[in-house]
N, C-alpha and C. Protein backbone atom coordinates (compact mmCIF):
# COMPACT_ATOMS: atom_id res chain seq x y z
N UNK A 1 26.60 63.29 -90.16
CA UNK A 1 26.02 64.63 -89.99
C UNK A 1 25.46 64.70 -88.54
N UNK A 2 25.97 65.56 -87.75
CA UNK A 2 25.60 65.65 -86.35
C UNK A 2 24.43 66.63 -86.25
N UNK A 3 23.54 66.33 -85.32
CA UNK A 3 22.40 67.20 -85.06
C UNK A 3 22.66 67.85 -83.69
N UNK A 4 22.60 69.17 -83.71
CA UNK A 4 22.90 69.82 -82.39
C UNK A 4 21.74 69.66 -81.44
N UNK A 5 21.98 69.90 -80.20
CA UNK A 5 20.97 69.71 -79.17
C UNK A 5 19.82 70.69 -79.31
N UNK A 6 20.11 71.90 -79.72
CA UNK A 6 19.05 72.89 -79.90
C UNK A 6 18.10 72.55 -81.02
N UNK A 7 18.63 71.97 -82.12
CA UNK A 7 17.76 71.51 -83.23
C UNK A 7 16.82 70.39 -82.83
N UNK A 8 17.40 69.47 -82.03
CA UNK A 8 16.59 68.33 -81.54
C UNK A 8 15.54 68.80 -80.61
N UNK A 9 15.90 69.75 -79.75
CA UNK A 9 14.89 70.25 -78.77
C UNK A 9 13.77 71.01 -79.47
N UNK A 10 14.08 71.70 -80.58
CA UNK A 10 13.06 72.49 -81.26
C UNK A 10 12.08 71.60 -82.04
N UNK A 11 12.46 70.33 -82.36
CA UNK A 11 11.62 69.43 -83.10
C UNK A 11 10.46 68.91 -82.22
N UNK A 12 10.67 68.76 -80.97
CA UNK A 12 9.64 68.22 -80.09
C UNK A 12 9.35 69.24 -79.00
N UNK A 13 8.20 69.11 -78.33
CA UNK A 13 7.87 70.11 -77.28
C UNK A 13 8.89 69.93 -76.14
N UNK A 14 9.33 71.05 -75.58
CA UNK A 14 10.30 70.94 -74.49
C UNK A 14 9.72 70.28 -73.24
N UNK A 15 10.53 69.53 -72.56
CA UNK A 15 10.07 68.85 -71.37
C UNK A 15 9.99 69.83 -70.22
N UNK A 16 9.29 69.48 -69.20
CA UNK A 16 9.12 70.33 -68.03
C UNK A 16 10.46 70.53 -67.33
N UNK A 17 10.90 71.75 -67.14
CA UNK A 17 12.19 72.08 -66.54
C UNK A 17 12.32 71.46 -65.14
N UNK A 18 11.27 71.44 -64.36
CA UNK A 18 11.34 70.95 -63.02
C UNK A 18 11.56 69.46 -63.03
N UNK A 19 10.93 68.73 -63.95
CA UNK A 19 11.15 67.25 -64.00
C UNK A 19 12.57 66.91 -64.46
N UNK A 20 13.13 67.77 -65.36
CA UNK A 20 14.49 67.56 -65.85
C UNK A 20 15.46 67.76 -64.68
N UNK A 21 15.27 68.82 -63.91
CA UNK A 21 16.16 69.08 -62.76
C UNK A 21 16.02 67.96 -61.76
N UNK A 22 14.80 67.46 -61.54
CA UNK A 22 14.58 66.34 -60.59
C UNK A 22 15.31 65.11 -61.08
N UNK A 23 15.28 64.84 -62.38
CA UNK A 23 16.00 63.68 -62.95
C UNK A 23 17.51 63.84 -62.77
N UNK A 24 18.01 65.06 -63.03
CA UNK A 24 19.45 65.30 -62.85
C UNK A 24 19.87 65.13 -61.41
N UNK A 25 19.07 65.65 -60.48
CA UNK A 25 19.39 65.50 -59.07
C UNK A 25 19.35 64.02 -58.64
N UNK A 26 18.37 63.28 -59.14
CA UNK A 26 18.33 61.82 -58.82
C UNK A 26 19.57 61.15 -59.36
N UNK A 27 20.03 61.51 -60.54
CA UNK A 27 21.22 60.93 -61.11
C UNK A 27 22.42 61.26 -60.23
N UNK A 28 22.45 62.54 -59.72
CA UNK A 28 23.58 62.90 -58.82
C UNK A 28 23.55 62.10 -57.55
N UNK A 29 22.41 61.87 -56.98
CA UNK A 29 22.31 61.08 -55.75
C UNK A 29 22.71 59.63 -56.02
N UNK A 30 22.28 59.07 -57.13
CA UNK A 30 22.63 57.71 -57.49
C UNK A 30 24.13 57.60 -57.72
N UNK A 31 24.74 58.65 -58.33
CA UNK A 31 26.15 58.65 -58.63
C UNK A 31 26.95 58.71 -57.35
N UNK A 32 26.45 59.35 -56.33
CA UNK A 32 27.21 59.43 -55.09
C UNK A 32 27.16 58.06 -54.38
N UNK A 33 26.13 57.22 -54.63
CA UNK A 33 26.05 55.95 -54.03
C UNK A 33 26.98 54.92 -54.72
N UNK A 34 27.03 54.95 -56.02
CA UNK A 34 27.92 54.04 -56.75
C UNK A 34 28.37 54.77 -58.02
N UNK A 35 29.57 54.48 -58.53
CA UNK A 35 30.08 55.18 -59.70
C UNK A 35 29.13 55.00 -60.89
N UNK A 36 28.79 56.11 -61.56
CA UNK A 36 27.89 55.99 -62.69
C UNK A 36 28.59 55.42 -63.91
N UNK A 37 27.80 54.90 -64.80
CA UNK A 37 28.34 54.40 -66.08
C UNK A 37 28.52 55.58 -67.04
N UNK A 38 29.24 55.27 -68.12
CA UNK A 38 29.43 56.28 -69.17
C UNK A 38 28.09 56.67 -69.78
N UNK A 39 27.19 55.69 -69.89
CA UNK A 39 25.89 55.98 -70.48
C UNK A 39 25.11 56.97 -69.57
N UNK A 40 25.23 56.77 -68.23
CA UNK A 40 24.52 57.67 -67.33
C UNK A 40 25.09 59.10 -67.43
N UNK A 41 26.39 59.24 -67.57
CA UNK A 41 27.00 60.61 -67.71
C UNK A 41 26.48 61.23 -69.03
N UNK A 42 26.44 60.43 -70.11
CA UNK A 42 25.95 60.97 -71.37
C UNK A 42 24.51 61.40 -71.27
N UNK A 43 23.67 60.63 -70.55
CA UNK A 43 22.29 60.94 -70.40
C UNK A 43 22.19 62.25 -69.59
N UNK A 44 22.97 62.44 -68.58
CA UNK A 44 22.93 63.63 -67.79
C UNK A 44 23.29 64.88 -68.65
N UNK A 45 24.26 64.73 -69.53
CA UNK A 45 24.64 65.84 -70.41
C UNK A 45 23.45 66.19 -71.38
N UNK A 46 22.81 65.13 -71.90
CA UNK A 46 21.63 65.36 -72.78
C UNK A 46 20.50 66.05 -72.03
N UNK A 47 20.33 65.66 -70.75
CA UNK A 47 19.32 66.28 -69.96
C UNK A 47 19.61 67.78 -69.69
N UNK A 48 20.86 68.12 -69.55
CA UNK A 48 21.24 69.55 -69.38
C UNK A 48 20.92 70.34 -70.66
N UNK A 49 21.14 69.73 -71.82
CA UNK A 49 20.79 70.39 -73.09
C UNK A 49 19.29 70.63 -73.16
N UNK A 50 18.53 69.61 -72.75
CA UNK A 50 17.06 69.76 -72.78
C UNK A 50 16.60 70.77 -71.76
N UNK A 51 17.30 70.88 -70.62
CA UNK A 51 16.97 71.86 -69.60
C UNK A 51 17.14 73.24 -70.16
N UNK A 52 18.22 73.50 -70.85
CA UNK A 52 18.44 74.80 -71.50
C UNK A 52 17.34 75.14 -72.43
N UNK A 53 16.92 74.19 -73.23
CA UNK A 53 15.87 74.43 -74.21
C UNK A 53 14.51 74.67 -73.54
N UNK A 54 14.25 74.00 -72.44
CA UNK A 54 12.97 74.16 -71.79
C UNK A 54 12.91 75.44 -70.94
N UNK A 55 14.07 75.99 -70.61
CA UNK A 55 14.10 77.23 -69.78
C UNK A 55 14.08 78.53 -70.60
N UNK A 56 14.09 78.39 -71.93
CA UNK A 56 14.12 79.59 -72.78
C UNK A 56 12.89 80.45 -72.49
N UNK A 57 13.15 81.71 -72.26
CA UNK A 57 12.04 82.63 -72.04
C UNK A 57 11.51 82.65 -70.63
N UNK A 58 12.06 81.88 -69.73
CA UNK A 58 11.59 81.85 -68.36
C UNK A 58 12.39 82.87 -67.53
N UNK A 59 11.75 83.42 -66.56
CA UNK A 59 12.43 84.41 -65.71
C UNK A 59 13.44 83.72 -64.79
N UNK A 60 13.17 82.51 -64.38
CA UNK A 60 14.04 81.79 -63.43
C UNK A 60 14.98 80.78 -64.15
N UNK A 61 15.30 81.10 -65.39
CA UNK A 61 16.09 80.16 -66.20
C UNK A 61 17.50 80.00 -65.69
N UNK A 62 18.15 81.14 -65.29
CA UNK A 62 19.56 81.05 -64.84
C UNK A 62 19.71 80.21 -63.59
N UNK A 63 18.91 80.31 -62.52
CA UNK A 63 19.09 79.46 -61.35
C UNK A 63 18.81 77.97 -61.66
N UNK A 64 17.84 77.75 -62.56
CA UNK A 64 17.49 76.38 -62.90
C UNK A 64 18.68 75.73 -63.64
N UNK A 65 19.25 76.44 -64.59
CA UNK A 65 20.39 75.91 -65.33
C UNK A 65 21.57 75.71 -64.41
N UNK A 66 21.78 76.62 -63.47
CA UNK A 66 22.88 76.43 -62.50
C UNK A 66 22.66 75.16 -61.67
N UNK A 67 21.40 74.92 -61.24
CA UNK A 67 21.14 73.70 -60.50
C UNK A 67 21.42 72.46 -61.32
N UNK A 68 20.99 72.55 -62.60
CA UNK A 68 21.23 71.43 -63.47
C UNK A 68 22.73 71.14 -63.72
N UNK A 69 23.46 72.27 -63.90
CA UNK A 69 24.93 72.15 -64.09
C UNK A 69 25.57 71.54 -62.83
N UNK A 70 25.14 71.97 -61.67
CA UNK A 70 25.70 71.43 -60.43
C UNK A 70 25.43 69.96 -60.32
N UNK A 71 24.29 69.54 -60.68
CA UNK A 71 23.95 68.05 -60.62
C UNK A 71 24.78 67.29 -61.66
N UNK A 72 24.95 67.90 -62.80
CA UNK A 72 25.80 67.26 -63.88
C UNK A 72 27.26 67.14 -63.38
N UNK A 73 27.74 68.17 -62.75
CA UNK A 73 29.16 68.13 -62.29
C UNK A 73 29.31 67.03 -61.20
N UNK A 74 28.32 66.84 -60.37
CA UNK A 74 28.39 65.77 -59.38
C UNK A 74 28.44 64.39 -60.06
N UNK A 75 27.64 64.25 -61.09
CA UNK A 75 27.64 62.99 -61.83
C UNK A 75 28.98 62.77 -62.50
N UNK A 76 29.48 63.83 -63.16
CA UNK A 76 30.80 63.71 -63.83
C UNK A 76 31.93 63.46 -62.86
N UNK A 77 31.87 64.09 -61.66
CA UNK A 77 32.92 63.89 -60.66
C UNK A 77 32.93 62.47 -60.15
N UNK A 78 31.75 61.90 -60.07
CA UNK A 78 31.66 60.52 -59.51
C UNK A 78 32.03 59.50 -60.56
N UNK A 79 32.07 59.90 -61.83
CA UNK A 79 32.38 58.92 -62.92
C UNK A 79 33.87 58.59 -62.89
N UNK A 80 34.16 57.33 -62.77
CA UNK A 80 35.56 56.77 -62.82
C UNK A 80 35.51 55.58 -63.74
N UNK A 81 36.02 55.77 -64.95
CA UNK A 81 35.97 54.68 -65.93
C UNK A 81 36.60 53.38 -65.42
N UNK A 82 37.77 53.47 -64.79
CA UNK A 82 38.42 52.27 -64.34
C UNK A 82 37.60 51.53 -63.28
N UNK A 83 36.99 52.28 -62.35
CA UNK A 83 36.16 51.63 -61.26
C UNK A 83 34.96 51.00 -61.89
N UNK A 84 34.36 51.62 -62.88
CA UNK A 84 33.15 51.06 -63.49
C UNK A 84 33.53 49.72 -64.13
N UNK A 85 34.72 49.66 -64.77
CA UNK A 85 35.15 48.40 -65.36
C UNK A 85 35.42 47.39 -64.29
N UNK A 86 36.04 47.83 -63.19
CA UNK A 86 36.32 46.87 -62.10
C UNK A 86 35.00 46.34 -61.54
N UNK A 87 34.01 47.22 -61.42
CA UNK A 87 32.70 46.74 -60.89
C UNK A 87 32.10 45.70 -61.86
N UNK A 88 32.23 45.95 -63.19
CA UNK A 88 31.68 44.97 -64.13
C UNK A 88 32.47 43.64 -64.05
N UNK A 89 33.79 43.77 -63.88
CA UNK A 89 34.59 42.54 -63.75
C UNK A 89 34.22 41.76 -62.49
N UNK A 90 33.98 42.50 -61.40
CA UNK A 90 33.62 41.86 -60.11
C UNK A 90 32.28 41.16 -60.27
N UNK A 91 31.34 41.84 -60.95
CA UNK A 91 30.00 41.23 -61.12
C UNK A 91 30.15 39.97 -62.00
N UNK A 92 30.93 40.05 -63.10
CA UNK A 92 31.06 38.87 -63.94
C UNK A 92 31.81 37.77 -63.24
N UNK A 93 32.79 38.11 -62.39
CA UNK A 93 33.50 37.06 -61.60
C UNK A 93 32.54 36.42 -60.62
N UNK A 94 31.67 37.24 -60.03
CA UNK A 94 30.66 36.69 -59.07
C UNK A 94 29.73 35.74 -59.81
N UNK A 95 29.32 36.15 -61.02
CA UNK A 95 28.42 35.29 -61.83
C UNK A 95 29.09 33.98 -62.16
N UNK A 96 30.35 34.07 -62.61
CA UNK A 96 31.10 32.81 -62.92
C UNK A 96 31.21 31.92 -61.69
N UNK A 97 31.48 32.53 -60.50
CA UNK A 97 31.58 31.75 -59.30
C UNK A 97 30.26 31.10 -58.99
N UNK A 98 29.15 31.84 -59.13
CA UNK A 98 27.82 31.31 -58.87
C UNK A 98 27.49 30.12 -59.83
N UNK A 99 27.88 30.29 -61.10
CA UNK A 99 27.67 29.23 -62.10
C UNK A 99 28.47 28.00 -61.73
N UNK A 100 29.71 28.23 -61.34
CA UNK A 100 30.58 27.08 -60.96
C UNK A 100 30.02 26.37 -59.72
N UNK A 101 29.51 27.13 -58.79
CA UNK A 101 28.95 26.54 -57.58
C UNK A 101 27.72 25.72 -57.92
N UNK A 102 26.87 26.26 -58.82
CA UNK A 102 25.68 25.57 -59.23
C UNK A 102 26.05 24.27 -59.98
N UNK A 103 27.06 24.34 -60.83
CA UNK A 103 27.51 23.14 -61.53
C UNK A 103 28.06 22.09 -60.56
N UNK A 104 28.84 22.52 -59.63
CA UNK A 104 29.38 21.56 -58.64
C UNK A 104 28.29 20.96 -57.80
N UNK A 105 27.27 21.77 -57.47
CA UNK A 105 26.12 21.27 -56.68
C UNK A 105 25.43 20.21 -57.51
N UNK A 106 25.22 20.49 -58.83
CA UNK A 106 24.54 19.46 -59.67
C UNK A 106 25.33 18.19 -59.76
N UNK A 107 26.68 18.31 -59.85
CA UNK A 107 27.51 17.11 -59.89
C UNK A 107 27.37 16.35 -58.61
N UNK A 108 27.39 17.05 -57.46
CA UNK A 108 27.24 16.35 -56.20
C UNK A 108 25.89 15.72 -56.07
N UNK A 109 24.86 16.40 -56.53
CA UNK A 109 23.54 15.80 -56.44
C UNK A 109 23.48 14.53 -57.34
N UNK A 110 24.11 14.61 -58.53
CA UNK A 110 24.17 13.47 -59.44
C UNK A 110 24.90 12.30 -58.84
N UNK A 111 26.02 12.61 -58.15
CA UNK A 111 26.76 11.51 -57.50
C UNK A 111 25.95 10.90 -56.37
N UNK A 112 25.21 11.76 -55.62
CA UNK A 112 24.38 11.24 -54.53
C UNK A 112 23.26 10.38 -55.09
N UNK A 113 22.63 10.80 -56.17
CA UNK A 113 21.57 9.98 -56.81
C UNK A 113 22.14 8.68 -57.31
N UNK A 114 23.38 8.75 -57.92
CA UNK A 114 23.98 7.54 -58.39
C UNK A 114 24.27 6.55 -57.24
N UNK A 115 24.75 7.09 -56.12
CA UNK A 115 25.05 6.26 -54.94
C UNK A 115 23.77 5.62 -54.43
N UNK A 116 22.70 6.38 -54.38
CA UNK A 116 21.46 5.82 -53.96
C UNK A 116 20.94 4.73 -54.92
N UNK A 117 21.09 5.01 -56.22
CA UNK A 117 20.65 3.99 -57.22
C UNK A 117 21.54 2.77 -57.17
N UNK A 118 22.85 2.98 -56.94
CA UNK A 118 23.75 1.83 -56.81
C UNK A 118 23.36 0.99 -55.61
N UNK A 119 22.99 1.64 -54.51
CA UNK A 119 22.54 0.87 -53.32
C UNK A 119 21.26 0.10 -53.65
N UNK A 120 20.34 0.74 -54.34
CA UNK A 120 19.12 0.05 -54.76
C UNK A 120 19.48 -1.14 -55.61
N UNK A 121 20.44 -0.93 -56.54
CA UNK A 121 20.83 -1.95 -57.47
C UNK A 121 21.45 -3.16 -56.71
N UNK A 122 22.27 -2.84 -55.72
CA UNK A 122 22.87 -3.93 -54.90
C UNK A 122 21.76 -4.75 -54.21
N UNK A 123 20.80 -4.07 -53.68
CA UNK A 123 19.70 -4.78 -53.00
C UNK A 123 18.88 -5.64 -54.01
N UNK A 124 18.66 -5.06 -55.15
CA UNK A 124 17.85 -5.78 -56.17
C UNK A 124 18.65 -6.97 -56.69
N UNK A 125 19.96 -6.76 -56.92
CA UNK A 125 20.78 -7.89 -57.39
C UNK A 125 20.77 -9.01 -56.33
N UNK A 126 20.83 -8.57 -55.02
CA UNK A 126 20.70 -9.56 -53.97
C UNK A 126 19.42 -10.32 -54.00
N UNK A 127 18.32 -9.56 -54.17
CA UNK A 127 17.02 -10.21 -54.31
C UNK A 127 16.95 -11.09 -55.55
N UNK A 128 17.59 -10.68 -56.60
CA UNK A 128 17.63 -11.42 -57.86
C UNK A 128 18.38 -12.74 -57.63
N UNK A 129 19.48 -12.64 -56.94
CA UNK A 129 20.24 -13.92 -56.64
C UNK A 129 19.37 -14.82 -55.80
N UNK A 130 18.67 -14.25 -54.78
CA UNK A 130 17.77 -15.11 -53.97
C UNK A 130 16.67 -15.67 -54.80
N UNK A 131 16.11 -14.91 -55.73
CA UNK A 131 15.03 -15.35 -56.60
C UNK A 131 15.54 -16.45 -57.57
N UNK A 132 16.82 -16.39 -57.94
CA UNK A 132 17.32 -17.36 -58.88
C UNK A 132 17.46 -18.73 -58.22
N UNK A 133 17.50 -18.75 -56.88
CA UNK A 133 17.60 -20.02 -56.18
C UNK A 133 16.23 -20.73 -56.16
N UNK A 134 15.13 -20.00 -56.38
CA UNK A 134 13.83 -20.62 -56.44
C UNK A 134 13.58 -20.96 -57.92
N UNK A 135 12.49 -21.62 -58.10
CA UNK A 135 12.15 -21.96 -59.49
C UNK A 135 10.82 -21.27 -59.87
N UNK A 136 10.55 -20.10 -59.23
CA UNK A 136 9.34 -19.35 -59.50
C UNK A 136 9.66 -18.28 -60.54
N UNK A 137 9.31 -18.50 -61.82
CA UNK A 137 9.64 -17.53 -62.85
C UNK A 137 9.00 -16.16 -62.61
N UNK A 138 7.81 -16.08 -62.07
CA UNK A 138 7.17 -14.76 -61.88
C UNK A 138 7.95 -13.91 -60.92
N UNK A 139 8.43 -14.54 -59.79
CA UNK A 139 9.21 -13.75 -58.84
C UNK A 139 10.53 -13.29 -59.44
N UNK A 140 11.15 -14.17 -60.18
CA UNK A 140 12.42 -13.81 -60.80
C UNK A 140 12.20 -12.72 -61.86
N UNK A 141 11.17 -12.89 -62.65
CA UNK A 141 10.93 -11.91 -63.71
C UNK A 141 10.69 -10.55 -63.13
N UNK A 142 9.96 -10.42 -62.01
CA UNK A 142 9.72 -9.13 -61.37
C UNK A 142 11.05 -8.52 -60.95
N UNK A 143 11.88 -9.31 -60.29
CA UNK A 143 13.17 -8.84 -59.84
C UNK A 143 14.05 -8.43 -61.02
N UNK A 144 14.07 -9.24 -62.08
CA UNK A 144 14.87 -8.95 -63.27
C UNK A 144 14.41 -7.67 -63.92
N UNK A 145 13.06 -7.49 -63.98
CA UNK A 145 12.52 -6.26 -64.56
C UNK A 145 12.95 -5.03 -63.78
N UNK A 146 12.81 -5.10 -62.43
CA UNK A 146 13.23 -4.01 -61.59
C UNK A 146 14.71 -3.71 -61.78
N UNK A 147 15.51 -4.75 -61.84
CA UNK A 147 16.92 -4.63 -62.04
C UNK A 147 17.22 -3.91 -63.35
N UNK A 148 16.52 -4.31 -64.41
CA UNK A 148 16.74 -3.69 -65.72
C UNK A 148 16.31 -2.23 -65.74
N UNK A 149 15.21 -1.88 -65.03
CA UNK A 149 14.78 -0.49 -64.99
C UNK A 149 15.82 0.38 -64.32
N UNK A 150 16.34 -0.11 -63.18
CA UNK A 150 17.35 0.69 -62.48
C UNK A 150 18.61 0.78 -63.35
N UNK A 151 18.95 -0.32 -63.99
CA UNK A 151 20.13 -0.33 -64.87
C UNK A 151 19.99 0.72 -65.95
N UNK A 152 18.76 0.88 -66.50
CA UNK A 152 18.52 1.88 -67.53
C UNK A 152 18.67 3.30 -66.96
N UNK A 153 18.31 3.48 -65.66
CA UNK A 153 18.43 4.78 -65.05
C UNK A 153 19.91 5.16 -64.76
N UNK A 154 20.65 4.23 -64.16
CA UNK A 154 21.98 4.57 -63.70
C UNK A 154 23.08 4.15 -64.66
N UNK A 155 22.80 3.21 -65.46
CA UNK A 155 23.85 2.70 -66.36
C UNK A 155 24.93 1.94 -65.61
N UNK A 156 25.87 1.36 -66.34
CA UNK A 156 26.91 0.58 -65.72
C UNK A 156 28.07 1.38 -65.22
N UNK A 157 27.94 2.72 -65.11
CA UNK A 157 29.06 3.58 -64.69
C UNK A 157 29.35 3.43 -63.24
N UNK A 158 30.49 3.97 -62.85
CA UNK A 158 30.85 4.01 -61.40
C UNK A 158 31.77 2.85 -61.09
N UNK A 159 32.35 2.92 -59.90
CA UNK A 159 33.33 1.95 -59.49
C UNK A 159 32.68 0.56 -59.28
N UNK A 160 31.41 0.56 -58.88
CA UNK A 160 30.77 -0.74 -58.63
C UNK A 160 29.99 -1.26 -59.83
N UNK A 161 29.92 -0.47 -60.89
CA UNK A 161 29.15 -0.86 -62.08
C UNK A 161 29.53 -2.19 -62.64
N UNK A 162 30.80 -2.48 -62.94
CA UNK A 162 31.15 -3.75 -63.53
C UNK A 162 30.83 -4.94 -62.61
N UNK A 163 31.07 -4.81 -61.31
CA UNK A 163 30.77 -5.90 -60.38
C UNK A 163 29.28 -6.20 -60.32
N UNK A 164 28.48 -5.10 -60.36
CA UNK A 164 27.00 -5.27 -60.35
C UNK A 164 26.56 -5.90 -61.64
N UNK A 165 27.16 -5.56 -62.74
CA UNK A 165 26.83 -6.13 -64.06
C UNK A 165 27.13 -7.62 -64.05
N UNK A 166 28.28 -8.00 -63.53
CA UNK A 166 28.66 -9.45 -63.49
C UNK A 166 27.67 -10.17 -62.60
N UNK A 167 27.33 -9.64 -61.44
CA UNK A 167 26.42 -10.27 -60.49
C UNK A 167 25.05 -10.47 -61.13
N UNK A 168 24.59 -9.45 -61.84
CA UNK A 168 23.30 -9.49 -62.52
C UNK A 168 23.29 -10.58 -63.57
N UNK A 169 24.33 -10.59 -64.43
CA UNK A 169 24.37 -11.59 -65.47
C UNK A 169 24.51 -12.98 -64.90
N UNK A 170 25.28 -13.14 -63.85
CA UNK A 170 25.47 -14.48 -63.26
C UNK A 170 24.19 -14.99 -62.64
N UNK A 171 23.42 -14.08 -61.95
CA UNK A 171 22.17 -14.52 -61.36
C UNK A 171 21.13 -14.85 -62.40
N UNK A 172 21.09 -14.05 -63.47
CA UNK A 172 20.15 -14.27 -64.59
C UNK A 172 20.47 -15.60 -65.23
N UNK A 173 21.74 -15.84 -65.57
CA UNK A 173 22.10 -17.07 -66.26
C UNK A 173 21.81 -18.28 -65.37
N UNK A 174 22.12 -18.14 -64.07
CA UNK A 174 21.84 -19.28 -63.12
C UNK A 174 20.37 -19.61 -63.08
N UNK A 175 19.54 -18.58 -63.02
CA UNK A 175 18.09 -18.83 -62.94
C UNK A 175 17.60 -19.52 -64.23
N UNK A 176 17.90 -18.93 -65.38
CA UNK A 176 17.39 -19.49 -66.62
C UNK A 176 17.95 -20.87 -66.88
N UNK A 177 19.17 -21.13 -66.49
CA UNK A 177 19.70 -22.46 -66.62
C UNK A 177 18.98 -23.45 -65.72
N UNK A 178 18.65 -23.03 -64.50
CA UNK A 178 17.94 -23.92 -63.56
C UNK A 178 16.51 -24.15 -64.05
N UNK A 179 15.89 -23.13 -64.60
CA UNK A 179 14.52 -23.23 -65.12
C UNK A 179 14.51 -24.06 -66.40
N UNK A 180 15.60 -24.18 -67.06
CA UNK A 180 15.66 -24.95 -68.33
C UNK A 180 15.09 -24.16 -69.47
N UNK A 181 15.06 -22.84 -69.39
CA UNK A 181 14.49 -22.02 -70.42
C UNK A 181 15.61 -21.12 -70.90
N UNK A 182 15.69 -20.84 -72.22
CA UNK A 182 16.71 -19.92 -72.70
C UNK A 182 16.46 -18.50 -72.14
N UNK A 183 17.51 -17.77 -71.89
CA UNK A 183 17.44 -16.43 -71.34
C UNK A 183 16.74 -15.54 -72.37
N UNK A 184 15.59 -14.91 -71.98
CA UNK A 184 14.94 -14.03 -72.96
C UNK A 184 15.77 -12.79 -73.31
N UNK A 185 16.64 -12.34 -72.39
CA UNK A 185 17.53 -11.23 -72.65
C UNK A 185 18.56 -11.53 -73.78
N UNK A 186 18.98 -12.76 -73.84
CA UNK A 186 19.93 -13.18 -74.86
C UNK A 186 19.32 -13.19 -76.23
N UNK A 187 18.03 -13.50 -76.28
CA UNK A 187 17.32 -13.58 -77.57
C UNK A 187 17.22 -12.18 -78.19
N UNK A 188 17.12 -11.13 -77.31
CA UNK A 188 17.01 -9.78 -77.79
C UNK A 188 18.30 -9.29 -78.39
N UNK A 189 19.42 -9.75 -77.85
CA UNK A 189 20.75 -9.30 -78.31
C UNK A 189 21.10 -9.96 -79.59
């Protein structure tokens, strides 16, 4: 069941005719800047219906309605359904491109962080190998703990991961064998 514009307008107090014309003219100016959407055209049509209702009984009703119609015609003339769709497609393509750029930036940052952590790991494995040549368990334990913390951060991934893992295990095994104490890491496994 459709409700006509006149019935709707009679249910509520009519809006000020001057403000309706101002809204229609703003819509016409906005439509000249960029193609309006279908929703905007529909809103302009509803505003014209409200303008007619608010002008009833006024002496200057005819010129006001003519101004409203002229503004509506400008909005309708600027409406191009295909261009509005193209604009939406362009916006969504730009959003997809921005998301892809953000994702690639995150990957690059992750690779950079991994490279920095791998460099830290190489240095710590070097220090661990040097500490394994001494018989000072506290120095070795500190280096092994640092090594394990970084290992937890970066994991064994990457091209250098397996080599670093072997160097770490070799240095750890060499130290604990030299110290004559079983490897505490082996007991946990």
